[in-house]
Amino acid sequence: MTYWDERFREGDYPQDPDPSPVLRRYVDSLPEGRAFDLATGTGRNAVFLAEAGYEVDAMDQSREGLEIARANARDRGVADRINWIEGSVETYPFPESAYDVVTVSYFRAIDWFTDIKGMLAADGVLFVEHHLRSVEPNEVGPSNDRYRFAANELLHACLDLTVLYFDVIAEEMPDGRNTTVTRILARKSSGAAQQYPRVPSPAAE
């Protein structure tokens, strides 16, 4: 059993967490079609995208996590819209130009960004969120900074796309622990003049 299998089985990781607030805010402006959720965990973003009408391929290396994700999809009535893939980025044959939306949450996939971005169809959108290194203590997420993004690393990795949203937030969790998170939403398009989505402000949600 892997480390993540143990965490999911023992309940150390939320079993049915909410989708990313940024993804939820922007979903109505995203291109319709197919989505790929990498490191899906218990399926929070995959299930949300399926509820929004996407046909979703969702991959994780943890069998335990995928079992929980399948149960969540069944409970939400979207089991038939999600293809669960047990696999690793190290061996996965990333299909070229296959998806309109690609999401990666809390997995430092920077070494595979060329392949991940290559999965985007024209005008497809990539969403990534992950823990960030900071001077202040991070009490949530990887214990080793090697597995966190360095300052501006995520932004620089997406500058060949059109950046629609980027942030860095120091967050206090409900249990009082602290972490720093960075998020980006970027479109596979080019040109000096771009169209940008109108989305609700966080205060309006």
N, C-alpha and C. Protein backbone atom coordinates (compact mmCIF):
# COMPACT_ATOMS: atom_id res chain seq x y z
N MET A 1 0.85 -1.20 0.00
CA MET A 1 0.00 0.00 0.00
C MET A 1 0.88 1.25 0.00
N THR A 2 0.55 2.22 -0.83
CA THR A 2 1.34 3.44 -0.92
C THR A 2 1.02 4.38 0.22
N TYR A 3 1.87 5.42 0.35
CA TYR A 3 1.66 6.45 1.36
C TYR A 3 0.27 7.07 1.23
N TRP A 4 -0.13 7.40 -0.01
CA TRP A 4 -1.43 8.04 -0.21
C TRP A 4 -2.58 7.06 0.00
N ASP A 5 -2.37 5.80 -0.33
CA ASP A 5 -3.39 4.80 -0.02
C ASP A 5 -3.67 4.78 1.49
N GLU A 6 -2.61 4.81 2.29
CA GLU A 6 -2.77 4.79 3.73
C GLU A 6 -3.48 6.04 4.23
N ARG A 7 -3.11 7.18 3.68
CA ARG A 7 -3.75 8.43 4.12
C ARG A 7 -5.24 8.44 3.80
N PHE A 8 -5.58 8.01 2.60
CA PHE A 8 -7.00 7.98 2.22
C PHE A 8 -7.76 6.95 3.04
N ARG A 9 -7.18 5.78 3.26
CA ARG A 9 -7.86 4.73 4.00
C ARG A 9 -8.07 5.13 5.46
N GLU A 10 -7.11 5.82 6.04
CA GLU A 10 -7.19 6.20 7.45
C GLU A 10 -7.98 7.48 7.68
N GLY A 11 -8.43 8.11 6.60
CA GLY A 11 -9.23 9.31 6.74
C GLY A 11 -8.43 10.56 7.04
N ASP A 12 -7.11 10.53 6.78
CA ASP A 12 -6.27 11.70 7.04
C ASP A 12 -6.52 12.81 6.02
N TYR A 13 -7.12 12.47 4.89
CA TYR A 13 -7.40 13.43 3.83
C TYR A 13 -8.90 13.56 3.68
N PRO A 14 -9.43 14.77 3.46
CA PRO A 14 -10.88 14.93 3.34
C PRO A 14 -11.48 13.99 2.31
N GLN A 15 -12.58 13.33 2.67
CA GLN A 15 -13.17 12.33 1.81
C GLN A 15 -14.01 12.93 0.67
N ASP A 16 -14.60 14.08 0.90
CA ASP A 16 -15.45 14.71 -0.12
C ASP A 16 -15.27 16.23 -0.07
N PRO A 17 -14.04 16.72 -0.35
CA PRO A 17 -13.78 18.15 -0.25
C PRO A 17 -14.46 18.95 -1.35
N ASP A 18 -14.66 20.22 -1.10
CA ASP A 18 -15.23 21.12 -2.11
C ASP A 18 -14.24 21.32 -3.26
N PRO A 19 -14.73 21.65 -4.45
CA PRO A 19 -13.82 21.97 -5.56
C PRO A 19 -13.06 23.25 -5.28
N SER A 20 -12.03 23.48 -6.04
CA SER A 20 -11.27 24.72 -5.89
C SER A 20 -12.19 25.93 -6.08
N PRO A 21 -12.12 26.92 -5.20
CA PRO A 21 -12.98 28.10 -5.37
C PRO A 21 -12.70 28.86 -6.66
N VAL A 22 -11.47 28.86 -7.12
CA VAL A 22 -11.15 29.54 -8.38
C VAL A 22 -11.78 28.80 -9.55
N LEU A 23 -11.69 27.48 -9.56
CA LEU A 23 -12.31 26.70 -10.62
C LEU A 23 -13.83 26.89 -10.61
N ARG A 24 -14.40 26.93 -9.44
CA ARG A 24 -15.85 27.12 -9.33
C ARG A 24 -16.25 28.51 -9.85
N ARG A 25 -15.42 29.51 -9.60
CA ARG A 25 -15.74 30.87 -10.03
C ARG A 25 -15.65 31.02 -11.55
N TYR A 26 -14.73 30.30 -12.17
CA TYR A 26 -14.48 30.47 -13.60
C TYR A 26 -15.18 29.45 -14.48
N VAL A 27 -15.82 28.45 -13.90
CA VAL A 27 -16.27 27.31 -14.70
C VAL A 27 -17.22 27.71 -15.83
N ASP A 28 -18.07 28.69 -15.61
CA ASP A 28 -19.02 29.09 -16.66
C ASP A 28 -18.35 29.76 -17.84
N SER A 29 -17.09 30.18 -17.67
CA SER A 29 -16.37 30.83 -18.77
C SER A 29 -15.42 29.88 -19.48
N LEU A 30 -15.33 28.65 -19.01
CA LEU A 30 -14.40 27.69 -19.61
C LEU A 30 -15.00 27.06 -20.86
N PRO A 31 -14.15 26.61 -21.80
CA PRO A 31 -14.68 25.94 -23.00
C PRO A 31 -15.34 24.62 -22.63
N GLU A 32 -16.41 24.30 -23.31
CA GLU A 32 -17.13 23.05 -23.04
C GLU A 32 -16.39 21.88 -23.70
N GLY A 33 -16.70 20.67 -23.22
CA GLY A 33 -16.13 19.48 -23.87
C GLY A 33 -15.56 18.48 -22.90
N ARG A 34 -14.29 18.15 -23.10
CA ARG A 34 -13.62 17.11 -22.31
C ARG A 34 -12.66 17.74 -21.32
N ALA A 35 -12.52 17.09 -20.16
CA ALA A 35 -11.62 17.58 -19.12
C ALA A 35 -10.74 16.45 -18.61
N PHE A 36 -9.55 16.81 -18.16
CA PHE A 36 -8.63 15.85 -17.56
C PHE A 36 -8.22 16.40 -16.20
N ASP A 37 -8.38 15.58 -15.15
CA ASP A 37 -8.01 15.99 -13.79
C ASP A 37 -6.86 15.12 -13.32
N LEU A 38 -5.68 15.71 -13.22
CA LEU A 38 -4.48 15.00 -12.82
C LEU A 38 -4.32 15.07 -11.31
N ALA A 39 -3.91 13.94 -10.69
CA ALA A 39 -3.80 13.84 -9.24
C ALA A 39 -5.16 14.14 -8.61
N THR A 40 -6.16 13.42 -9.06
CA THR A 40 -7.55 13.73 -8.70
C THR A 40 -7.86 13.50 -7.23
N GLY A 41 -7.08 12.66 -6.55
CA GLY A 41 -7.35 12.40 -5.14
C GLY A 41 -8.71 11.75 -4.95
N THR A 42 -9.55 12.39 -4.15
CA THR A 42 -10.91 11.87 -3.94
C THR A 42 -11.91 12.48 -4.92
N GLY A 43 -11.38 13.13 -5.97
CA GLY A 43 -12.22 13.54 -7.09
C GLY A 43 -12.94 14.86 -6.95
N ARG A 44 -12.46 15.74 -6.09
CA ARG A 44 -13.23 16.97 -5.84
C ARG A 44 -13.43 17.80 -7.10
N ASN A 45 -12.37 18.00 -7.89
CA ASN A 45 -12.52 18.79 -9.11
C ASN A 45 -13.12 17.97 -10.25
N ALA A 46 -12.80 16.69 -10.31
CA ALA A 46 -13.35 15.83 -11.36
C ALA A 46 -14.87 15.73 -11.25
N VAL A 47 -15.37 15.49 -10.05
CA VAL A 47 -16.81 15.38 -9.84
C VAL A 47 -17.49 16.71 -10.15
N PHE A 48 -16.88 17.80 -9.73
CA PHE A 48 -17.44 19.12 -10.00
C PHE A 48 -17.53 19.38 -11.50
N LEU A 49 -16.48 19.06 -12.24
CA LEU A 49 -16.50 19.28 -13.69
C LEU A 49 -17.53 18.38 -14.36
N ALA A 50 -17.68 17.17 -13.89
CA ALA A 50 -18.72 16.29 -14.44
C ALA A 50 -20.10 16.87 -14.18
N GLU A 51 -20.31 17.42 -13.00
CA GLU A 51 -21.60 18.06 -12.69
C GLU A 51 -21.84 19.26 -13.59
N ALA A 52 -20.76 19.89 -14.04
CA ALA A 52 -20.88 21.05 -14.93
C ALA A 52 -21.05 20.66 -16.39
N GLY A 53 -21.07 19.35 -16.68
CA GLY A 53 -21.35 18.89 -18.03
C GLY A 53 -20.18 18.32 -18.79
N TYR A 54 -18.99 18.25 -18.18
CA TYR A 54 -17.82 17.74 -18.88
C TYR A 54 -17.77 16.21 -18.86
N GLU A 55 -17.19 15.66 -19.91
CA GLU A 55 -16.76 14.26 -19.91
C GLU A 55 -15.33 14.29 -19.37
N VAL A 56 -15.10 13.59 -18.26
CA VAL A 56 -13.87 13.76 -17.50
C VAL A 56 -13.05 12.47 -17.46
N ASP A 57 -11.75 12.59 -17.73
CA ASP A 57 -10.78 11.56 -17.40
C ASP A 57 -10.04 12.04 -16.16
N ALA A 58 -10.01 11.22 -15.12
CA ALA A 58 -9.41 11.63 -13.84
C ALA A 58 -8.39 10.58 -13.42
N MET A 59 -7.15 11.01 -13.16
CA MET A 59 -6.07 10.07 -12.89
C MET A 59 -5.47 10.29 -11.51
N ASP A 60 -5.14 9.19 -10.84
CA ASP A 60 -4.40 9.23 -9.59
C ASP A 60 -3.68 7.90 -9.43
N GLN A 61 -2.57 7.89 -8.71
CA GLN A 61 -1.86 6.64 -8.49
C GLN A 61 -2.39 5.88 -7.28
N SER A 62 -3.27 6.50 -6.50
CA SER A 62 -3.80 5.86 -5.30
C SER A 62 -5.11 5.14 -5.59
N ARG A 63 -5.11 3.82 -5.43
CA ARG A 63 -6.34 3.05 -5.63
C ARG A 63 -7.38 3.40 -4.58
N GLU A 64 -6.93 3.63 -3.34
CA GLU A 64 -7.87 3.98 -2.27
C GLU A 64 -8.55 5.31 -2.55
N GLY A 65 -7.77 6.29 -3.01
CA GLY A 65 -8.35 7.58 -3.35
C GLY A 65 -9.38 7.47 -4.45
N LEU A 66 -9.08 6.67 -5.47
CA LEU A 66 -10.00 6.51 -6.59
C LEU A 66 -11.29 5.81 -6.17
N GLU A 67 -11.21 4.88 -5.22
CA GLU A 67 -12.42 4.23 -4.74
C GLU A 67 -13.35 5.24 -4.06
N ILE A 68 -12.75 6.13 -3.27
CA ILE A 68 -13.55 7.18 -2.63
C ILE A 68 -14.13 8.12 -3.69
N ALA A 69 -13.31 8.45 -4.70
CA ALA A 69 -13.77 9.34 -5.78
C ALA A 69 -14.94 8.72 -6.54
N ARG A 70 -14.85 7.43 -6.81
CA ARG A 70 -15.95 6.75 -7.49
C ARG A 70 -17.24 6.83 -6.68
N ALA A 71 -17.12 6.61 -5.38
CA ALA A 71 -18.30 6.69 -4.51
C ALA A 71 -18.88 8.10 -4.52
N ASN A 72 -18.01 9.12 -4.49
CA ASN A 72 -18.49 10.50 -4.54
C ASN A 72 -19.23 10.78 -5.85
N ALA A 73 -18.70 10.27 -6.96
CA ALA A 73 -19.35 10.46 -8.27
C ALA A 73 -20.71 9.78 -8.30
N ARG A 74 -20.79 8.57 -7.75
CA ARG A 74 -22.08 7.88 -7.71
C ARG A 74 -23.09 8.66 -6.87
N ASP A 75 -22.63 9.18 -5.73
CA ASP A 75 -23.52 9.93 -4.85
C ASP A 75 -24.05 11.19 -5.52
N ARG A 76 -23.25 11.78 -6.43
CA ARG A 76 -23.65 13.01 -7.12
C ARG A 76 -24.35 12.73 -8.45
N GLY A 77 -24.47 11.46 -8.82
CA GLY A 77 -25.16 11.11 -10.05
C GLY A 77 -24.38 11.36 -11.32
N VAL A 78 -23.04 11.38 -11.25
CA VAL A 78 -22.24 11.66 -12.44
C VAL A 78 -21.24 10.54 -12.74
N ALA A 79 -21.47 9.35 -12.20
CA ALA A 79 -20.52 8.25 -12.38
C ALA A 79 -20.29 7.93 -13.86
N ASP A 80 -21.31 8.12 -14.68
CA ASP A 80 -21.19 7.77 -16.10
C ASP A 80 -20.44 8.84 -16.91
N ARG A 81 -20.07 9.94 -16.28
CA ARG A 81 -19.38 11.02 -16.98
C ARG A 81 -17.88 11.05 -16.68
N ILE A 82 -17.42 10.13 -15.81
CA ILE A 82 -16.02 10.16 -15.39
C ILE A 82 -15.36 8.81 -15.64
N ASN A 83 -14.20 8.86 -16.30
CA ASN A 83 -13.35 7.69 -16.52
C ASN A 83 -12.19 7.77 -15.53
N TRP A 84 -12.16 6.88 -14.56
CA TRP A 84 -11.12 6.90 -13.52
C TRP A 84 -9.92 6.10 -14.00
N ILE A 85 -8.73 6.70 -13.89
CA ILE A 85 -7.49 6.08 -14.37
C ILE A 85 -6.53 5.93 -13.20
N GLU A 86 -6.17 4.69 -12.88
CA GLU A 86 -5.14 4.46 -11.88
C GLU A 86 -3.80 4.45 -12.60
N GLY A 87 -2.98 5.46 -12.34
CA GLY A 87 -1.73 5.55 -13.09
C GLY A 87 -0.82 6.62 -12.54
N SER A 88 0.35 6.74 -13.15
CA SER A 88 1.38 7.69 -12.72
C SER A 88 1.78 8.58 -13.90
N VAL A 89 2.12 9.82 -13.59
CA VAL A 89 2.58 10.72 -14.66
C VAL A 89 3.86 10.21 -15.30
N GLU A 90 4.61 9.40 -14.59
CA GLU A 90 5.89 8.92 -15.12
C GLU A 90 5.70 7.96 -16.28
N THR A 91 4.55 7.32 -16.36
CA THR A 91 4.33 6.34 -17.43
C THR A 91 3.11 6.64 -18.29
N TYR A 92 2.36 7.70 -17.95
CA TYR A 92 1.12 7.97 -18.67
C TYR A 92 1.42 8.54 -20.06
N PRO A 93 0.79 8.03 -21.13
CA PRO A 93 1.00 8.55 -22.48
C PRO A 93 0.09 9.75 -22.75
N PHE A 94 0.50 10.92 -22.36
CA PHE A 94 -0.33 12.11 -22.47
C PHE A 94 -0.83 12.31 -23.90
N PRO A 95 -2.15 12.28 -24.12
CA PRO A 95 -2.67 12.45 -25.48
C PRO A 95 -2.57 13.91 -25.94
N GLU A 96 -2.19 14.11 -27.16
CA GLU A 96 -1.97 15.46 -27.69
C GLU A 96 -3.29 16.13 -28.05
N SER A 97 -3.47 17.38 -27.60
CA SER A 97 -4.61 18.24 -27.99
C SER A 97 -5.95 17.56 -27.75
N ALA A 98 -6.09 16.85 -26.64
CA ALA A 98 -7.27 16.02 -26.41
C ALA A 98 -8.31 16.64 -25.49
N TYR A 99 -7.94 17.70 -24.73
CA TYR A 99 -8.84 18.19 -23.69
C TYR A 99 -9.06 19.70 -23.77
N ASP A 100 -10.27 20.10 -23.41
CA ASP A 100 -10.62 21.52 -23.37
C ASP A 100 -10.28 22.15 -22.02
N VAL A 101 -10.22 21.34 -20.98
CA VAL A 101 -9.85 21.79 -19.64
C VAL A 101 -8.93 20.74 -19.03
N VAL A 102 -7.83 21.18 -18.44
CA VAL A 102 -6.93 20.30 -17.69
C VAL A 102 -6.71 20.92 -16.32
N THR A 103 -6.87 20.12 -15.26
CA THR A 103 -6.70 20.62 -13.90
C THR A 103 -5.67 19.77 -13.16
N VAL A 104 -4.88 20.44 -12.32
CA VAL A 104 -3.88 19.77 -11.48
C VAL A 104 -3.93 20.44 -10.11
N SER A 105 -4.29 19.69 -9.08
CA SER A 105 -4.39 20.28 -7.74
C SER A 105 -3.49 19.55 -6.75
N TYR A 106 -2.66 20.32 -6.11
CA TYR A 106 -1.81 19.85 -5.00
C TYR A 106 -0.91 18.69 -5.40
N PHE A 107 -0.27 18.88 -6.55
CA PHE A 107 0.75 17.96 -7.02
C PHE A 107 1.74 18.79 -7.84
N ARG A 108 3.01 18.74 -7.46
CA ARG A 108 4.02 19.54 -8.14
C ARG A 108 4.45 18.82 -9.43
N ALA A 109 3.69 19.09 -10.47
CA ALA A 109 3.87 18.37 -11.74
C ALA A 109 4.74 19.14 -12.72
N ILE A 110 5.59 20.03 -12.22
CA ILE A 110 6.34 20.93 -13.09
C ILE A 110 7.21 20.17 -14.10
N ASP A 111 7.71 19.01 -13.73
CA ASP A 111 8.58 18.25 -14.65
C ASP A 111 7.82 17.72 -15.85
N TRP A 112 6.50 17.69 -15.77
CA TRP A 112 5.67 17.15 -16.86
C TRP A 112 4.83 18.24 -17.51
N PHE A 113 5.16 19.51 -17.27
CA PHE A 113 4.32 20.59 -17.79
C PHE A 113 4.27 20.62 -19.31
N THR A 114 5.34 20.29 -19.97
CA THR A 114 5.31 20.27 -21.44
C THR A 114 4.25 19.29 -21.94
N ASP A 115 4.23 18.10 -21.35
CA ASP A 115 3.23 17.10 -21.74
C ASP A 115 1.83 17.50 -21.31
N ILE A 116 1.71 18.07 -20.12
CA ILE A 116 0.39 18.47 -19.60
C ILE A 116 -0.21 19.56 -20.48
N LYS A 117 0.58 20.57 -20.80
CA LYS A 117 0.08 21.64 -21.67
C LYS A 117 -0.19 21.13 -23.08
N GLY A 118 0.56 20.11 -23.49
CA GLY A 118 0.35 19.52 -24.80
C GLY A 118 -1.00 18.83 -24.93
N MET A 119 -1.63 18.47 -23.79
CA MET A 119 -2.95 17.84 -23.84
C MET A 119 -4.05 18.83 -24.17
N LEU A 120 -3.78 20.13 -24.07
CA LEU A 120 -4.80 21.15 -24.30
C LEU A 120 -5.13 21.29 -25.78
N ALA A 121 -6.41 21.31 -26.07
CA ALA A 121 -6.86 21.67 -27.42
C ALA A 121 -6.68 23.18 -27.61
N ALA A 122 -6.83 23.66 -28.83
CA ALA A 122 -6.75 25.10 -29.09
C ALA A 122 -7.76 25.83 -28.21
N ASP A 123 -7.31 26.87 -27.53
CA ASP A 123 -8.12 27.65 -26.60
C ASP A 123 -8.54 26.85 -25.36
N GLY A 124 -7.92 25.69 -25.15
CA GLY A 124 -8.15 24.95 -23.92
C GLY A 124 -7.54 25.67 -22.72
N VAL A 125 -8.03 25.36 -21.53
CA VAL A 125 -7.63 26.08 -20.33
C VAL A 125 -7.00 25.13 -19.31
N LEU A 126 -5.88 25.56 -18.75
CA LEU A 126 -5.17 24.83 -17.72
C LEU A 126 -5.38 25.50 -16.37
N PHE A 127 -5.74 24.71 -15.35
CA PHE A 127 -5.85 25.22 -13.98
C PHE A 127 -4.91 24.42 -13.10
N VAL A 128 -4.06 25.13 -12.34
CA VAL A 128 -3.12 24.48 -11.43
C VAL A 128 -3.16 25.20 -10.09
N GLU A 129 -3.17 24.43 -9.01
CA GLU A 129 -3.00 25.00 -7.67
C GLU A 129 -2.11 24.07 -6.85
N HIS A 130 -1.25 24.68 -6.02
CA HIS A 130 -0.35 23.86 -5.21
C HIS A 130 0.26 24.71 -4.11
N HIS A 131 0.85 24.02 -3.15
CA HIS A 131 1.52 24.69 -2.04
C HIS A 131 2.79 25.40 -2.53
N LEU A 132 3.13 26.48 -1.84
CA LEU A 132 4.24 27.35 -2.23
C LEU A 132 5.25 27.45 -1.09
N ARG A 133 6.50 27.54 -1.44
CA ARG A 133 7.53 27.79 -0.42
C ARG A 133 7.36 29.20 0.13
N SER A 134 7.63 29.37 1.41
CA SER A 134 7.55 30.70 2.01
C SER A 134 8.48 30.79 3.21
N VAL A 135 8.81 32.02 3.60
CA VAL A 135 9.64 32.23 4.78
C VAL A 135 8.89 31.81 6.04
N GLU A 136 7.58 32.11 6.07
CA GLU A 136 6.76 31.73 7.22
C GLU A 136 6.58 30.20 7.24
N PRO A 137 6.40 29.63 8.41
CA PRO A 137 6.22 28.17 8.50
C PRO A 137 4.96 27.72 7.77
N ASN A 138 5.09 26.65 7.00
CA ASN A 138 3.95 26.02 6.35
C ASN A 138 3.60 24.75 7.12
N GLU A 139 2.40 24.73 7.66
CA GLU A 139 1.99 23.61 8.51
C GLU A 139 1.08 22.62 7.78
N VAL A 140 0.78 22.91 6.52
CA VAL A 140 -0.07 22.05 5.69
C VAL A 140 0.67 21.78 4.39
N GLY A 141 0.53 20.55 3.87
CA GLY A 141 1.16 20.22 2.61
C GLY A 141 2.49 19.52 2.80
N PRO A 142 3.30 19.45 1.73
CA PRO A 142 4.55 18.70 1.78
C PRO A 142 5.48 19.20 2.89
N SER A 143 6.13 18.28 3.56
CA SER A 143 7.07 18.65 4.62
C SER A 143 8.41 19.09 4.06
N ASN A 144 8.66 18.75 2.80
CA ASN A 144 9.91 19.09 2.14
C ASN A 144 9.64 20.14 1.06
N ASP A 145 10.35 21.26 1.11
CA ASP A 145 10.14 22.33 0.12
C ASP A 145 10.40 21.88 -1.31
N ARG A 146 11.11 20.78 -1.48
CA ARG A 146 11.35 20.27 -2.83
C ARG A 146 10.04 20.00 -3.55
N TYR A 147 9.00 19.67 -2.82
CA TYR A 147 7.72 19.32 -3.41
C TYR A 147 6.73 20.48 -3.42
N ARG A 148 7.22 21.68 -3.13
CA ARG A 148 6.42 22.90 -3.25
C ARG A 148 6.96 23.73 -4.41
N PHE A 149 6.12 24.60 -4.97
CA PHE A 149 6.60 25.53 -5.98
C PHE A 149 7.48 26.59 -5.33
N ALA A 150 8.54 26.98 -6.02
CA ALA A 150 9.33 28.14 -5.62
C ALA A 150 8.59 29.40 -6.06
N ALA A 151 9.03 30.54 -5.55
CA ALA A 151 8.40 31.82 -5.88
C ALA A 151 8.37 32.02 -7.40
N ASN A 152 7.19 32.29 -7.95
CA ASN A 152 6.98 32.58 -9.38
C ASN A 152 7.25 31.40 -10.31
N GLU A 153 7.58 30.24 -9.77
CA GLU A 153 7.88 29.09 -10.63
C GLU A 153 6.66 28.68 -11.46
N LEU A 154 5.51 28.64 -10.84
CA LEU A 154 4.29 28.26 -11.56
C LEU A 154 3.95 29.30 -12.63
N LEU A 155 4.06 30.58 -12.29
CA LEU A 155 3.77 31.64 -13.25
C LEU A 155 4.70 31.54 -14.45
N HIS A 156 5.99 31.39 -14.21
CA HIS A 156 6.94 31.32 -15.32
C HIS A 156 6.69 30.11 -16.21
N ALA A 157 6.23 29.02 -15.61
CA ALA A 157 5.98 27.80 -16.38
C ALA A 157 4.78 27.93 -17.31
N CYS A 158 3.97 28.96 -17.11
CA CYS A 158 2.75 29.12 -17.90
C CYS A 158 2.78 30.36 -18.80
N LEU A 159 3.93 30.99 -18.95
CA LEU A 159 3.99 32.22 -19.73
C LEU A 159 3.89 31.99 -21.23
N ASP A 160 3.92 30.73 -21.68
CA ASP A 160 3.65 30.45 -23.08
C ASP A 160 2.15 30.33 -23.35
N LEU A 161 1.34 30.46 -22.29
CA LEU A 161 -0.11 30.49 -22.40
C LEU A 161 -0.60 31.90 -22.08
N THR A 162 -1.91 32.15 -22.26
CA THR A 162 -2.50 33.43 -21.86
C THR A 162 -2.98 33.30 -20.42
N VAL A 163 -2.34 34.01 -19.51
CA VAL A 163 -2.69 33.92 -18.10
C VAL A 163 -3.98 34.71 -17.85
N LEU A 164 -5.00 34.02 -17.36
CA LEU A 164 -6.29 34.63 -17.06
C LEU A 164 -6.45 34.96 -15.59
N TYR A 165 -5.74 34.21 -14.75
CA TYR A 165 -5.84 34.41 -13.31
C TYR A 165 -4.58 33.85 -12.66
N PHE A 166 -4.06 34.59 -11.67
CA PHE A 166 -2.91 34.12 -10.90
C PHE A 166 -2.98 34.72 -9.51
N ASP A 167 -2.69 33.91 -8.51
CA ASP A 167 -2.64 34.48 -7.16
C ASP A 167 -1.68 33.69 -6.28
N VAL A 168 -1.30 34.31 -5.17
CA VAL A 168 -0.55 33.69 -4.09
C VAL A 168 -1.23 34.10 -2.81
N ILE A 169 -1.64 33.12 -2.01
CA ILE A 169 -2.42 33.42 -0.81
C ILE A 169 -1.85 32.66 0.38
N ALA A 170 -1.59 33.39 1.47
CA ALA A 170 -1.28 32.76 2.76
C ALA A 170 -2.61 32.47 3.44
N GLU A 171 -2.87 31.20 3.67
CA GLU A 171 -4.18 30.78 4.18
C GLU A 171 -4.07 30.20 5.58
N GLU A 172 -5.08 30.48 6.38
CA GLU A 172 -5.23 29.80 7.66
C GLU A 172 -6.36 28.79 7.55
N MET A 173 -6.05 27.55 7.82
CA MET A 173 -7.03 26.49 7.72
C MET A 173 -8.01 26.56 8.89
N PRO A 174 -9.18 25.90 8.76
CA PRO A 174 -10.16 25.91 9.85
C PRO A 174 -9.60 25.44 11.19
N ASP A 175 -8.60 24.55 11.16
CA ASP A 175 -8.01 24.07 12.40
C ASP A 175 -6.88 24.94 12.91
N GLY A 176 -6.65 26.10 12.24
CA GLY A 176 -5.66 27.05 12.71
C GLY A 176 -4.28 26.89 12.10
N ARG A 177 -4.05 25.83 11.31
CA ARG A 177 -2.76 25.65 10.67
C ARG A 177 -2.61 26.58 9.47
N ASN A 178 -1.35 26.91 9.14
CA ASN A 178 -1.08 27.87 8.07
C ASN A 178 -0.42 27.18 6.88
N THR A 179 -0.71 27.73 5.70
CA THR A 179 -0.04 27.30 4.49
C THR A 179 -0.07 28.43 3.47
N THR A 180 0.75 28.32 2.44
CA THR A 180 0.76 29.29 1.35
C THR A 180 0.49 28.55 0.05
N VAL A 181 -0.47 29.07 -0.72
CA VAL A 181 -0.94 28.38 -1.92
C VAL A 181 -0.85 29.33 -3.11
N THR A 182 -0.47 28.79 -4.27
CA THR A 182 -0.48 29.56 -5.51
C THR A 182 -1.41 28.88 -6.51
N ARG A 183 -2.11 29.68 -7.31
CA ARG A 183 -3.07 29.16 -8.28
C ARG A 183 -2.94 29.93 -9.60
N ILE A 184 -3.15 29.21 -10.69
CA ILE A 184 -3.12 29.86 -12.00
C ILE A 184 -4.17 29.24 -12.91
N LEU A 185 -4.76 30.08 -13.75
CA LEU A 185 -5.68 29.65 -14.80
C LEU A 185 -5.16 30.28 -16.09
N ALA A 186 -4.87 29.46 -17.09
CA ALA A 186 -4.25 29.98 -18.31
C ALA A 186 -4.79 29.25 -19.53
N ARG A 187 -4.90 30.00 -20.64
CA ARG A 187 -5.52 29.49 -21.86
C ARG A 187 -4.47 29.28 -22.95
N LYS A 188 -4.65 28.23 -23.74
CA LYS A 188 -3.76 27.95 -24.85
C LYS A 188 -4.14 28.83 -26.03
N SER A 189 -3.67 30.06 -26.00
CA SER A 189 -3.93 31.03 -27.05
C SER A 189 -2.75 32.00 -27.09
N SER A 190 -2.65 32.75 -28.16
CA SER A 190 -1.54 33.69 -28.30
C SER A 190 -2.03 34.96 -28.98
N GLY A 191 -1.21 35.99 -28.88
CA GLY A 191 -1.56 37.28 -29.49
C GLY A 191 -1.58 38.39 -28.45
N ALA A 192 -1.28 39.61 -28.90
CA ALA A 192 -1.19 40.73 -27.97
C ALA A 192 -2.54 41.15 -27.41
N ALA A 193 -3.60 40.94 -28.18
CA ALA A 193 -4.95 41.28 -27.72
C ALA A 193 -5.71 39.97 -27.48
N GLN A 194 -6.24 39.82 -26.27
CA GLN A 194 -6.93 38.59 -25.89
C GLN A 194 -8.30 38.92 -25.29
N GLN A 195 -9.18 37.94 -25.30
CA GLN A 195 -10.47 38.08 -24.64
C GLN A 195 -10.35 37.50 -23.24
N TYR A 196 -10.88 38.22 -22.26
CA TYR A 196 -10.78 37.79 -20.87
C TYR A 196 -12.17 37.59 -20.29
N PRO A 197 -12.36 36.52 -19.51
CA PRO A 197 -13.70 36.20 -19.01
C PRO A 197 -14.17 37.18 -17.95
N ARG A 198 -15.48 37.40 -17.93
CA ARG A 198 -16.13 38.14 -16.85
C ARG A 198 -16.64 37.11 -15.84
N VAL A 199 -16.18 37.22 -14.63
CA VAL A 199 -16.53 36.23 -13.62
C VAL A 199 -16.98 36.94 -12.34
N PRO A 200 -17.77 36.25 -11.51
CA PRO A 200 -18.17 36.86 -10.23
C PRO A 200 -16.97 37.13 -9.34
N SER A 201 -16.99 38.20 -8.61
CA SER A 201 -15.93 38.45 -7.64
C SER A 201 -16.10 37.51 -6.47
N PRO A 202 -15.01 37.20 -5.71
CA PRO A 202 -15.17 36.33 -4.55
C PRO A 202 -16.19 36.82 -3.55
N ALA A 203 -16.32 38.14 -3.41
CA ALA A 203 -17.27 38.70 -2.44
C ALA A 203 -18.72 38.44 -2.85
N ALA A 204 -18.94 38.22 -4.16
CA ALA A 204 -20.31 38.03 -4.65
C ALA A 204 -20.76 36.57 -4.55
N GLU A 205 -19.83 35.68 -4.20
CA GLU A 205 -20.19 34.26 -4.14
C GLU A 205 -20.95 33.92 -2.88
